[in-house]
Protein backbone atom coordinates (compact mmCIF):
# COMPACT_ATOMS: atom_id res chain seq x y z
CA MET A 1 -31.10 18.25 37.37
CA LYS A 2 -30.59 14.69 36.27
CA ARG A 3 -27.69 14.04 33.93
CA LYS A 4 -28.61 12.20 30.77
CA PHE A 5 -26.32 9.41 29.60
CA LEU A 6 -26.26 8.10 26.05
CA LEU A 7 -25.48 4.55 25.07
CA ALA A 8 -22.64 4.10 22.57
CA ARG A 9 -25.07 2.89 19.92
CA ASP A 10 -27.34 5.93 20.31
CA THR A 11 -25.62 8.48 18.08
CA SER A 12 -28.65 10.54 17.12
CA GLU A 13 -28.18 13.17 19.85
CA ILE A 14 -24.40 13.32 19.36
CA ASN A 15 -24.09 13.69 15.61
CA LEU A 16 -27.13 15.57 14.38
CA PRO A 17 -26.90 19.37 14.14
CA ARG A 18 -29.53 21.32 16.08
CA ALA A 19 -31.67 24.00 14.51
CA SER A 20 -29.76 26.75 16.34
CA ASP A 21 -26.43 25.67 14.88
CA ASP A 22 -24.92 27.12 11.74
CA THR A 23 -25.88 24.18 9.55
CA SER A 24 -25.84 23.43 5.86
CA ASP A 25 -26.64 20.51 3.61
CA ILE A 26 -24.15 18.45 1.68
CA VAL A 27 -24.54 15.79 -0.97
CA LEU A 28 -23.01 12.53 0.23
CA ASN A 29 -22.23 10.12 -2.61
CA ILE A 30 -21.60 6.59 -1.35
CA TYR A 31 -20.29 3.74 -3.45
CA ARG A 32 -22.73 0.83 -3.34
CA GLY A 33 -22.24 -2.73 -4.40
CA GLY A 34 -20.21 -5.90 -4.00
CA PRO A 35 -17.10 -7.35 -5.64
CA ASN A 36 -18.94 -8.60 -8.73
CA GLN A 37 -20.91 -5.44 -9.43
CA LYS A 38 -19.98 -3.15 -12.30
CA PRO A 39 -18.81 0.30 -11.16
CA GLU A 40 -21.09 2.20 -13.51
CA ASN A 41 -23.97 3.97 -11.75
CA SER A 42 -23.03 2.35 -8.44
CA TYR A 43 -23.32 5.45 -6.28
CA ASP A 44 -26.25 6.49 -4.11
CA SER A 45 -26.64 10.14 -3.13
CA TYR A 46 -27.96 11.43 0.20
CA HIS A 47 -28.62 14.94 1.46
CA VAL A 48 -27.14 15.27 4.95
CA PRO A 49 -27.24 18.29 7.31
CA VAL A 50 -23.81 19.15 8.71
CA SER A 51 -22.16 21.65 11.04
CA ARG A 52 -18.59 22.89 11.12
CA TRP A 53 -17.48 20.05 13.45
CA THR A 54 -19.23 17.23 11.54
CA THR A 55 -16.89 14.53 10.28
CA VAL A 56 -17.39 12.34 7.25
CA LEU A 57 -18.07 9.42 9.59
CA ASP A 58 -20.81 11.42 11.33
CA ALA A 59 -22.42 12.05 7.94
CA LEU A 60 -22.17 8.37 7.01
CA ILE A 61 -23.75 7.31 10.31
CA TYR A 62 -26.55 9.83 9.76
CA ALA A 63 -27.19 8.42 6.29
CA LYS A 64 -27.20 4.86 7.61
CA GLU A 65 -29.42 5.54 10.63
CA ARG A 66 -31.87 8.03 9.11
CA LEU A 67 -31.90 7.49 5.35
CA ASP A 68 -30.73 4.01 4.31
CA SER A 69 -29.90 1.30 6.81
CA SER A 70 -28.47 -0.95 4.10
CA VAL A 71 -25.30 1.16 3.73
CA ALA A 72 -22.30 -0.95 4.80
CA ILE A 73 -19.56 0.90 6.70
CA ARG A 74 -16.92 -0.14 9.22
CA TYR A 75 -15.99 1.96 12.24
CA SER A 76 -15.22 1.60 15.92
CA CYS A 77 -13.34 4.13 18.07
CA ARG A 78 -14.30 7.37 16.25
CA MET A 79 -11.03 8.97 17.45
CA ALA A 80 -8.42 7.91 14.85
CA SER A 81 -7.03 5.13 16.99
CA CYS A 82 -8.46 1.88 15.62
CA GLY A 83 -8.02 2.53 11.89
CA SER A 84 -11.34 0.87 11.03
CA CYS A 85 -12.99 3.67 9.04
CA GLY A 86 -10.42 4.06 6.28
CA MET A 87 -11.92 4.86 2.88
CA LYS A 88 -11.30 7.01 -0.17
CA ILE A 89 -12.86 10.42 0.42
CA ASN A 90 -12.97 12.71 -2.59
CA GLY A 91 -10.27 10.63 -4.24
CA ILE A 92 -7.82 10.50 -1.30
CA PRO A 93 -7.44 7.67 1.27
CA ARG A 94 -8.43 9.09 4.65
CA LEU A 95 -9.93 8.13 8.00
CA ALA A 96 -13.60 9.13 7.96
CA CYS A 97 -13.60 9.95 11.69
CA TYR A 98 -10.53 12.17 11.29
CA THR A 99 -11.81 14.14 8.29
CA LYS A 100 -14.00 17.16 8.95
CA ILE A 101 -16.36 18.05 6.15
CA SER A 102 -15.69 21.76 6.70
CA GLU A 103 -12.00 21.19 5.90
CA LEU A 104 -12.74 19.57 2.54
CA GLY A 105 -14.00 22.85 1.09
CA THR A 106 -16.87 21.35 -0.90
CA HIS A 107 -20.54 20.50 -0.48
CA THR A 108 -20.21 17.25 -2.41
CA ILE A 109 -18.51 14.36 -0.61
CA THR A 110 -17.79 11.10 -2.44
CA CYS A 111 -16.93 8.04 -0.35
CA GLU A 112 -15.46 4.96 -1.98
CA PRO A 113 -13.82 1.76 -0.69
CA LEU A 114 -10.05 1.69 -0.31
CA PRO A 115 -8.24 0.62 -3.50
CA ASN A 116 -5.79 -2.32 -3.42
CA PHE A 117 -8.14 -4.21 -1.07
CA PRO A 118 -10.69 -6.86 -2.07
CA LEU A 119 -14.18 -5.40 -1.78
CA ILE A 120 -16.72 -7.00 0.54
CA ARG A 121 -19.63 -4.57 0.14
CA ASP A 122 -20.09 -0.81 -0.23
CA LEU A 123 -17.30 0.82 1.82
CA VAL A 124 -16.13 -2.34 3.58
CA THR A 125 -12.97 -4.04 2.31
CA ASP A 126 -11.16 -7.27 3.18
CA PHE A 127 -7.94 -6.73 5.18
CA GLN A 128 -6.86 -10.39 5.32
CA GLU A 129 -4.03 -10.08 2.77
CA PHE A 130 -2.90 -6.84 4.41
CA PHE A 131 -2.67 -8.52 7.82
CA ASP A 132 -0.91 -11.54 6.29
CA HIS A 133 1.84 -9.26 5.00
CA HIS A 134 2.05 -7.68 8.45
CA LYS A 135 2.43 -11.07 10.15
CA LYS A 136 5.04 -12.22 7.66
CA ILE A 137 7.58 -9.67 8.84
CA GLN A 138 7.21 -11.06 12.41
CA PRO A 139 6.18 -7.82 14.15
CA TYR A 140 7.36 -8.63 17.66
CA ILE A 141 10.61 -8.40 19.59
CA GLN A 142 12.81 -11.47 19.26
CA ASN A 143 15.68 -11.91 21.69
CA LEU A 144 16.85 -15.28 23.00
CA HIS A 145 19.16 -13.70 25.56
CA PRO A 146 17.51 -10.57 26.92
CA ASP A 147 19.25 -10.93 30.31
CA PRO A 148 22.65 -12.62 29.88
CA GLY A 149 23.83 -14.24 33.11
CA ILE A 150 20.56 -13.56 34.91
CA ASP A 151 18.18 -16.41 35.65
CA LYS A 152 15.10 -14.27 36.22
CA LEU A 153 13.39 -11.80 33.93
CA SER A 154 14.07 -8.13 34.49
CA GLU A 155 13.37 -4.81 32.84
CA PHE A 156 15.12 -4.22 29.51
CA GLU A 157 16.29 -0.65 29.84
CA GLN A 158 16.63 1.69 26.88
CA THR A 159 18.03 5.17 26.58
CA PRO A 160 15.85 7.97 25.20
CA GLN A 161 18.02 7.94 22.09
CA GLU A 162 17.36 4.21 21.56
CA VAL A 163 13.61 4.76 21.94
CA ASP A 164 13.70 7.60 19.42
CA GLU A 165 15.13 5.23 16.81
CA PHE A 166 11.79 3.41 16.46
CA LEU A 167 9.16 5.45 18.35
CA GLN A 168 7.75 7.22 15.29
CA PHE A 169 7.14 3.89 13.53
CA SER A 170 5.37 2.40 16.55
CA TYR A 171 2.44 4.80 16.08
CA CYS A 172 1.03 2.71 13.21
CA ILE A 173 -2.66 1.79 13.70
CA LYS A 174 -2.89 -0.56 10.67
CA CYS A 175 -5.55 1.54 8.97
CA GLY A 176 -4.33 0.48 5.52
CA LEU A 177 -4.30 3.99 4.01
CA CYS A 178 -0.63 3.73 3.01
CA TYR A 179 -1.28 0.30 1.50
CA SER A 180 -4.19 1.64 -0.58
CA ALA A 181 -2.15 4.60 -1.83
CA CYS A 182 0.88 2.53 -2.88
CA PRO A 183 1.26 2.14 -6.67
CA THR A 184 3.52 -0.90 -6.24
CA VAL A 185 0.87 -2.77 -4.22
CA ALA A 186 -1.54 -2.15 -7.10
CA THR A 187 0.73 -4.05 -9.50
CA ASP A 188 2.31 -6.70 -7.25
CA THR A 189 0.17 -8.52 -4.68
CA LYS A 190 3.28 -10.23 -3.23
CA PHE A 191 4.81 -6.89 -2.31
CA PRO A 192 4.50 -6.52 1.50
CA GLY A 193 3.45 -2.91 1.24
CA PRO A 194 4.64 0.20 3.09
CA GLN A 195 2.96 -0.68 6.38
CA ALA A 196 4.69 -4.05 6.73
CA LEU A 197 8.07 -2.71 5.63
CA ALA A 198 7.85 0.25 8.02
CA GLN A 199 7.10 -2.17 10.85
CA ALA A 200 10.05 -4.31 9.78
CA TYR A 201 12.24 -1.26 10.32
CA ARG A 202 10.50 -0.50 13.62
CA TYR A 203 11.71 -3.81 15.08
CA PHE A 204 14.99 -3.74 13.19
CA ALA A 205 15.85 -0.42 14.86
CA ASP A 206 14.76 -1.58 18.33
CA SER A 207 17.81 -2.22 20.52
CA ARG A 208 15.94 -4.99 22.33
CA ASP A 209 15.57 -7.06 19.16
CA ASP A 210 18.20 -9.61 18.14
CA ALA A 211 16.73 -11.03 14.90
CA VAL A 212 18.61 -8.82 12.45
CA GLU A 213 19.53 -11.49 9.89
CA LYS A 214 16.06 -13.05 9.97
CA ARG A 215 14.32 -9.73 9.41
CA LEU A 216 16.58 -8.71 6.56
CA SER A 217 16.18 -12.07 4.84
CA ILE A 218 12.38 -11.69 4.88
CA ILE A 219 12.36 -8.36 3.06
CA ASP A 220 15.45 -8.85 0.85
CA ASP A 221 13.49 -10.45 -1.96
CA LYS A 222 12.50 -9.67 -5.55
CA HIS A 223 8.98 -8.94 -4.29
CA GLY A 224 10.31 -7.26 -1.16
CA ILE A 225 11.81 -3.93 -0.30
CA TRP A 226 13.47 -3.40 -3.69
CA ARG A 227 10.07 -3.22 -5.42
CA CYS A 228 9.39 0.12 -3.74
CA HIS A 229 9.67 2.97 -6.25
CA PHE A 230 9.63 5.62 -3.53
CA ALA A 231 6.50 7.39 -4.77
CA GLY A 232 6.02 8.74 -1.24
CA SER A 233 2.22 8.54 -1.38
CA CYS A 234 2.21 6.22 1.65
CA SER A 235 3.70 8.90 3.90
CA LYS A 236 1.43 11.59 2.50
CA VAL A 237 -1.79 9.82 3.49
CA CYS A 238 -0.64 8.44 6.87
CA PRO A 239 -2.89 9.97 9.57
CA LYS A 240 -0.41 9.28 12.40
CA GLY A 241 2.77 10.69 10.87
CA VAL A 242 4.52 7.34 10.71
CA ASP A 243 6.29 8.12 7.40
CA PRO A 244 6.60 4.57 5.98
CA ALA A 245 8.71 5.86 3.07
CA LEU A 246 11.38 6.96 5.55
CA GLY A 247 11.43 3.52 7.20
CA ILE A 248 11.79 1.83 3.82
CA GLN A 249 14.66 4.09 2.83
CA MET A 250 16.39 3.48 6.18
CA LEU A 251 16.11 -0.27 5.65
CA ARG A 252 17.48 0.07 2.14
CA SER A 253 20.46 2.05 3.36
CA HIS A 254 21.24 -0.62 5.94
CA LEU A 255 20.91 -3.39 3.37
CA MET A 256 23.22 -1.64 0.93
CA SER A 257 25.87 -0.86 3.55
CA ILE A 258 25.72 -4.01 5.61
CA THR A 259 28.62 -6.50 5.64
CA LYS A 260 28.62 -10.28 5.87
CA LYS A 261 28.36 -9.86 9.63
CA PRO A 262 25.13 -7.86 9.96
CA LYS A 263 25.03 -7.98 13.76
CA LYS A 264 28.51 -6.50 14.01
CA ARG A 265 27.73 -3.91 11.37
CA LEU A 266 24.44 -2.96 13.06
CA ALA A 267 26.25 -2.53 16.38
CA GLU A 268 28.73 -0.23 14.66
CA LEU A 269 25.92 1.81 13.08
CA ARG A 270 24.12 2.15 16.41
CA GLU A 271 27.31 3.20 18.16
CA THR A 272 28.00 5.80 15.48
CA SER A 273 24.45 7.09 15.84
CA ARG A 274 24.83 7.44 19.63
CA GLU A 275 28.12 9.31 19.28
CA GLY A 276 26.57 11.67 16.75
CA SER A 277 23.62 12.43 19.03
């Protein structure tokens, strides 16, 4: 028997429930319109057949391919790795590919664009400002002397304890859900947001990084880390368990306890942490 292969663009045989499956219909309400359109009466409704494994993204793709090709959505990996399909689903920022309809407990699904992002069209938002905040905190390891006394590059070894200091925060996929849920971002566009601040801590806590003063000076600003009110909504909606609120609080504690010699103080804090573990 010949095996049948499906192209990535051909989703009809992957997503659609078969007649033998335990299927049901849902009402999928999708926000429609651009940045200048009034929100009143800006939703289109579609009846979509679903099974217990159907995700919100599957339903959206069905609606776009079978019912209305003009629906604008953004997606890529379909496995909660790229962060492209973030949207507000029944009032909560979620990844559409990571949200099963059966787990929502309702037959009416409302999909809206992420708040705190400029709207492009329908469910697609502009991430440029979000990425600008991310770049501003310089999210890369900076170390002018990674191998003192050695002329050639070599491996920078870390202990498991040193890796654990930042590993959780390295799982960020830049989906923007924490940014959309943050009440401070909604009122201050200069605020970096929980994603950028959590990544600032990720590199701050990395033993390979040597840009302590530079990183702290970037976030120690009236529109910086002190604008966080610790609502905790960023950590609640994070699909990867990054916990940006924890990173922000860790940075705050370092800023409040640090001396005029931050490198020396950081070395002391790291040494204390190692002894405690």
